[in-house]
Protein backbone atom coordinates (compact mmCIF):
# COMPACT_ATOMS: atom_id res chain seq x y z
CA MET A 1 -11.91 16.67 -18.36
CA SER A 2 -15.54 15.36 -18.81
CA GLU A 3 -17.32 13.28 -16.16
CA GLN A 4 -17.01 10.29 -18.84
CA THR A 5 -13.31 10.44 -19.16
CA ASN A 6 -13.06 10.61 -15.20
CA ARG A 7 -15.33 7.29 -15.14
CA LEU A 8 -13.15 5.60 -17.47
CA GLU A 9 -9.91 6.37 -15.47
CA GLN A 10 -11.68 4.77 -12.79
CA ILE A 11 -11.74 1.42 -14.35
CA LYS A 12 -8.77 -1.00 -14.17
CA VAL A 13 -7.92 -3.67 -16.38
CA VAL A 14 -6.14 -6.51 -14.12
CA LEU A 15 -4.12 -8.95 -16.04
CA VAL A 16 -3.48 -12.15 -13.58
CA GLY A 17 -0.12 -14.27 -14.20
CA THR A 18 0.23 -13.31 -17.68
CA THR A 19 2.98 -15.40 -19.68
CA HIS A 20 3.84 -13.38 -22.64
CA THR A 21 4.91 -9.81 -22.57
CA GLY A 22 3.51 -9.13 -26.20
CA ASN A 23 0.13 -10.20 -24.69
CA ILE A 24 0.63 -7.09 -22.10
CA GLY A 25 1.47 -4.85 -24.95
CA SER A 26 -1.49 -5.80 -27.21
CA VAL A 27 -3.72 -5.25 -24.00
CA ALA A 28 -2.47 -1.86 -23.73
CA ARG A 29 -3.27 -0.96 -27.16
CA ALA A 30 -6.69 -2.35 -26.75
CA MET A 31 -7.23 -0.20 -23.76
CA LYS A 32 -6.05 2.69 -25.28
CA THR A 33 -8.12 2.49 -28.48
CA MET A 34 -11.18 2.33 -26.02
CA GLY A 35 -10.02 5.19 -23.65
CA LEU A 36 -8.97 3.05 -20.80
CA SER A 37 -5.79 3.95 -19.15
CA GLN A 38 -5.34 1.74 -15.87
CA LEU A 39 -3.32 -1.44 -16.39
CA CYS A 40 -2.50 -3.56 -13.39
CA LEU A 41 -0.23 -6.68 -13.63
CA VAL A 42 -0.56 -9.31 -10.82
CA ALA A 43 2.58 -11.60 -10.67
CA PRO A 44 3.39 -11.44 -14.58
CA LYS A 45 5.80 -14.05 -15.51
CA THR A 46 7.80 -11.16 -17.13
CA GLU A 47 7.42 -7.52 -16.69
CA PRO A 48 6.94 -5.35 -19.84
CA ASP A 49 9.93 -5.68 -22.08
CA GLY A 50 10.77 -4.28 -25.73
CA GLN A 51 8.37 -7.10 -27.30
CA ALA A 52 5.53 -5.35 -24.97
CA TYR A 53 6.40 -2.09 -26.11
CA ALA A 54 6.63 -2.88 -29.80
CA LEU A 55 3.01 -4.43 -29.60
CA SER A 56 1.66 -1.78 -27.68
CA ALA A 57 1.56 0.09 -30.89
CA GLY A 58 1.63 3.90 -29.42
CA ALA A 59 0.37 2.87 -26.05
CA SER A 60 3.72 2.77 -24.37
CA ASP A 61 2.29 5.47 -21.88
CA ILE A 62 -0.09 2.58 -20.43
CA LEU A 63 2.64 0.48 -20.27
CA ALA A 64 5.17 2.80 -18.50
CA LYS A 65 2.57 3.69 -15.72
CA ALA A 66 1.45 0.02 -15.12
CA LYS A 67 1.42 -1.10 -11.55
CA VAL A 68 2.56 -4.48 -10.66
CA TYR A 69 1.32 -6.64 -7.68
CA ASP A 70 2.15 -9.82 -5.99
CA ASN A 71 -1.61 -11.01 -5.97
CA LEU A 72 -5.04 -10.21 -7.00
CA ALA A 73 -6.24 -8.95 -3.59
CA GLN A 74 -3.83 -6.18 -3.60
CA ALA A 75 -4.65 -5.31 -7.13
CA VAL A 76 -8.27 -4.80 -6.32
CA ALA A 77 -8.16 -3.60 -2.55
CA ASP A 78 -9.54 -0.15 -3.34
CA CYS A 79 -12.21 -1.55 -5.93
CA ALA A 80 -15.93 -1.70 -4.82
CA LEU A 81 -16.80 -3.73 -8.15
CA VAL A 82 -14.72 -6.60 -9.31
CA VAL A 83 -15.59 -8.52 -12.59
CA GLY A 84 -13.77 -11.51 -13.36
CA SER A 85 -13.56 -13.12 -16.84
CA SER A 86 -14.38 -16.53 -17.04
CA ALA A 87 -14.00 -18.73 -20.25
CA ARG A 88 -14.81 -22.22 -18.46
CA SER A 89 -17.79 -23.68 -16.94
CA ARG A 90 -17.56 -23.61 -13.21
CA THR A 91 -19.51 -26.09 -10.64
CA MET A 92 -19.90 -23.22 -8.01
CA ARG A 93 -22.92 -20.68 -9.50
CA TRP A 94 -21.79 -17.28 -9.27
CA PRO A 95 -23.69 -14.00 -10.63
CA MET A 96 -23.10 -13.56 -14.33
CA LEU A 97 -22.90 -10.68 -16.67
CA THR A 98 -23.00 -10.60 -20.27
CA PRO A 99 -20.12 -8.21 -21.62
CA ARG A 100 -22.77 -5.62 -22.43
CA GLU A 101 -24.07 -5.65 -19.05
CA CYS A 102 -20.68 -5.58 -17.85
CA GLY A 103 -19.86 -2.34 -19.80
CA PHE A 104 -22.88 -0.52 -18.34
CA LYS A 105 -22.34 -1.70 -14.59
CA ALA A 106 -18.70 -0.85 -14.70
CA LEU A 107 -19.49 2.50 -15.89
CA GLN A 108 -22.12 3.28 -13.33
CA GLU A 109 -20.01 1.82 -10.49
CA ALA A 110 -17.05 3.87 -11.68
CA GLU A 111 -19.01 7.16 -10.56
CA GLN A 112 -18.69 6.09 -6.91
CA ALA A 113 -15.48 3.69 -6.63
CA PRO A 114 -12.54 2.05 -8.71
CA VAL A 115 -13.73 -1.01 -10.59
CA ALA A 116 -11.46 -3.76 -11.85
CA LEU A 117 -12.06 -5.99 -15.04
CA VAL A 118 -10.05 -9.00 -13.99
CA PHE A 119 -8.23 -11.47 -16.91
CA GLY A 120 -6.74 -14.71 -15.89
CA ARG A 121 -3.73 -16.98 -17.48
CA GLU A 122 -3.40 -17.39 -21.00
CA SER A 123 -3.83 -21.13 -20.64
CA SER A 124 -5.94 -21.64 -17.52
CA GLY A 125 -7.80 -18.29 -16.70
CA LEU A 126 -8.57 -17.35 -13.05
CA THR A 127 -8.43 -19.87 -10.31
CA ASN A 128 -11.44 -20.81 -8.37
CA GLU A 129 -10.11 -18.54 -5.51
CA GLU A 130 -9.52 -15.87 -7.73
CA LEU A 131 -12.80 -15.94 -9.34
CA GLN A 132 -14.30 -15.80 -5.88
CA MET A 133 -12.88 -12.43 -5.10
CA CYS A 134 -15.26 -10.91 -7.76
CA GLN A 135 -18.58 -9.85 -7.36
CA TYR A 136 -19.55 -10.87 -10.90
CA HIS A 137 -18.35 -13.06 -13.54
CA VAL A 138 -18.62 -12.26 -17.28
CA CYS A 139 -18.27 -14.75 -20.13
CA ILE A 140 -18.03 -13.83 -23.63
CA ASP A 141 -20.60 -15.74 -25.84
CA ALA A 142 -18.32 -16.81 -28.44
CA ASN A 143 -18.87 -19.70 -31.39
CA PRO A 144 -19.31 -22.74 -28.99
CA GLU A 145 -17.52 -24.69 -31.71
CA TYR A 146 -14.43 -22.46 -31.50
CA THR A 147 -14.25 -20.28 -28.40
CA SER A 148 -10.79 -19.46 -28.79
CA LEU A 149 -10.18 -15.90 -27.90
CA ASN A 150 -6.60 -14.43 -27.06
CA LEU A 151 -6.25 -12.15 -24.09
CA ALA A 152 -6.12 -9.01 -26.12
CA MET A 153 -9.35 -9.97 -27.67
CA ALA A 154 -11.12 -10.64 -24.38
CA VAL A 155 -9.86 -7.27 -23.11
CA GLN A 156 -10.86 -5.31 -26.20
CA ILE A 157 -14.26 -6.75 -26.09
CA LEU A 158 -14.85 -5.60 -22.70
CA CYS A 159 -13.25 -2.24 -23.13
CA TYR A 160 -15.39 -1.91 -26.03
CA GLU A 161 -18.65 -2.68 -24.18
CA VAL A 162 -17.21 0.09 -21.37
CA ARG A 163 -16.82 2.67 -24.17
CA MET A 164 -19.90 2.00 -25.69
CA ALA A 165 -21.59 2.47 -22.27
CA ALA A 166 -20.12 5.77 -21.83
CA LEU A 167 -21.09 7.10 -25.31
CA ILE A 168 -24.72 6.23 -24.66
CA SER A 169 -24.45 8.06 -21.34
CA GLN A 170 -23.06 10.91 -22.78
CA GLU A 171 -25.78 11.22 -25.37
CA GLU A 172 -28.45 10.65 -22.61
CA SER A 173 -26.77 13.47 -20.53
CA ALA A 174 -26.78 15.92 -23.74
CA VAL A 175 -30.46 15.32 -24.33
CA GLN A 176 -31.28 15.98 -20.46
CA VAL A 177 -29.44 19.36 -20.70
CA GLY A 178 -30.48 20.45 -23.92
CA ASP A 179 -33.64 22.23 -24.81
CA PRO A 180 -36.75 20.27 -23.67
CA THR A 181 -38.50 18.37 -26.92
CA VAL A 182 -41.68 20.06 -27.53
CA TYR A 183 -44.95 17.89 -28.81
CA PRO A 184 -48.08 19.21 -30.57
CA SER A 185 -51.06 19.39 -28.24
CA ALA A 186 -53.88 16.88 -28.46
CA GLN A 187 -56.01 19.17 -30.49
CA GLN A 188 -53.08 19.78 -32.99
CA MET A 189 -52.86 16.19 -33.47
CA GLU A 190 -56.78 15.80 -33.99
CA ASN A 191 -56.08 18.55 -36.85
CA PHE A 192 -53.41 16.58 -38.31
CA TYR A 193 -55.57 13.43 -38.56
CA GLN A 194 -58.39 15.24 -40.00
CA HIS A 195 -55.97 16.78 -42.53
CA LEU A 196 -54.42 13.38 -43.23
CA GLU A 197 -57.97 11.83 -43.67
CA GLU A 198 -58.97 14.63 -46.22
CA ALA A 199 -55.94 14.26 -48.17
CA LEU A 200 -56.12 10.42 -48.30
CA SER A 201 -59.68 10.88 -49.44
CA HIS A 202 -58.71 13.13 -52.13
CA THR A 203 -55.94 10.87 -53.47
CA GLY A 204 -58.58 7.92 -53.35
CA PHE A 205 -56.32 5.95 -50.92
CA ILE A 206 -59.39 5.77 -48.54
CA ILE A 207 -63.21 6.32 -49.44
CA LYS A 208 -64.35 9.22 -47.83
CA GLN A 209 -67.59 8.07 -46.41
CA HIS A 210 -66.01 4.82 -45.25
CA PRO A 211 -62.55 5.34 -44.06
CA GLY A 212 -62.63 2.01 -42.16
CA VAL A 213 -60.06 0.78 -40.31
CA VAL A 214 -57.06 2.52 -41.98
CA MET A 215 -57.23 5.74 -40.07
CA THR A 216 -57.46 3.92 -36.80
CA LYS A 217 -54.06 1.95 -37.79
CA LEU A 218 -52.66 5.25 -38.86
CA LYS A 219 -53.36 6.89 -35.75
CA ARG A 220 -51.94 4.10 -33.73
CA LEU A 221 -48.92 4.20 -35.95
CA PHE A 222 -48.33 8.36 -35.27
CA THR A 223 -49.23 7.64 -31.67
CA ARG A 224 -46.42 5.22 -31.46
CA ALA A 225 -44.02 7.38 -33.15
CA ARG A 226 -44.90 10.41 -31.38
CA PRO A 227 -43.92 13.18 -33.71
CA ASP A 228 -42.25 16.41 -32.18
CA ASP A 229 -43.37 19.89 -33.02
CA VAL A 230 -40.85 20.14 -35.91
CA GLU A 231 -41.76 16.71 -37.51
CA TYR A 232 -45.38 17.60 -37.06
CA ASN A 233 -45.25 20.66 -39.04
CA ILE A 234 -43.26 18.91 -41.69
CA LEU A 235 -46.27 16.18 -41.84
CA ARG A 236 -48.51 18.95 -42.27
CA GLY A 237 -46.39 20.58 -44.89
CA ILE A 238 -46.39 17.21 -46.93
CA LEU A 239 -50.03 16.89 -46.88
CA THR A 240 -50.66 20.30 -48.04
CA SER A 241 -47.97 19.81 -50.88
CA MET A 242 -50.16 16.76 -52.02
CA GLN A 243 -53.19 18.73 -51.91
CA ARG A 244 -51.72 21.69 -53.78
CA LEU A 245 -50.33 19.16 -56.75
CA GLU A 246 -53.98 17.52 -56.65
CA LYS A 247 -55.54 20.98 -57.47
CA VAL A 248 -53.07 21.64 -60.20
CA ASP A 249 -53.60 18.02 -61.81
CA GLN A 250 -57.21 18.98 -61.60
CA LYS A 251 -56.81 22.24 -63.41
CA SER A 252 -54.77 20.68 -66.17
CA THR A 253 -57.21 18.00 -66.84
CA LYS A 254 -60.23 20.45 -67.37
CA LYS A 255 -58.07 22.38 -69.69
């Protein structure tokens, strides 16, 4: 089991006061597609039934092991980070996260302790008291003229951001443990710039006696790009092929 999988298993999706069992099933489906598996139900109107299992579309394992709690405090008791989803403007200011920030923070914190992503009732969301149990609030920036997101959609968006954070983290780890990137030396780059100027002079793109600011801008471009050793050799090969082709053209012209 990978480190990323372990961290995803540390992240709970907590549904508070869910009215429709079909929504619970749709949430389970949204979670499973993104690799999350811990579903917590706080005082649901009805526990998962046949409709919930039908709409879970293969995520019945998540429903089967879902935990039910009487209140939010019980559900998040072991969590070091609790983020509450809030769709309404509150008079009390609270630290806010964007969904993207939420994904990265949840994954990072899950390395140390369980994390809870909390979603409220379909009609009224979370109460102020419940929101105060959260260290952060997250608001999905939907179309201001039509902000209607159903419960499963909201869960899907945040679970997606968690998964993207996990994939990015995995890529970064792979780069760190892989072979270190080798870059050309300053002298090699200087040789490349001389080669580049020579090739561009032969093609007539720049005037050999007056290269002007073109070479300065090209140096800045390649400094910003910072080609590695393989890319450097490719660039040198391209310049050599240009010069070789030009020599062939010159011989053909003389004939």
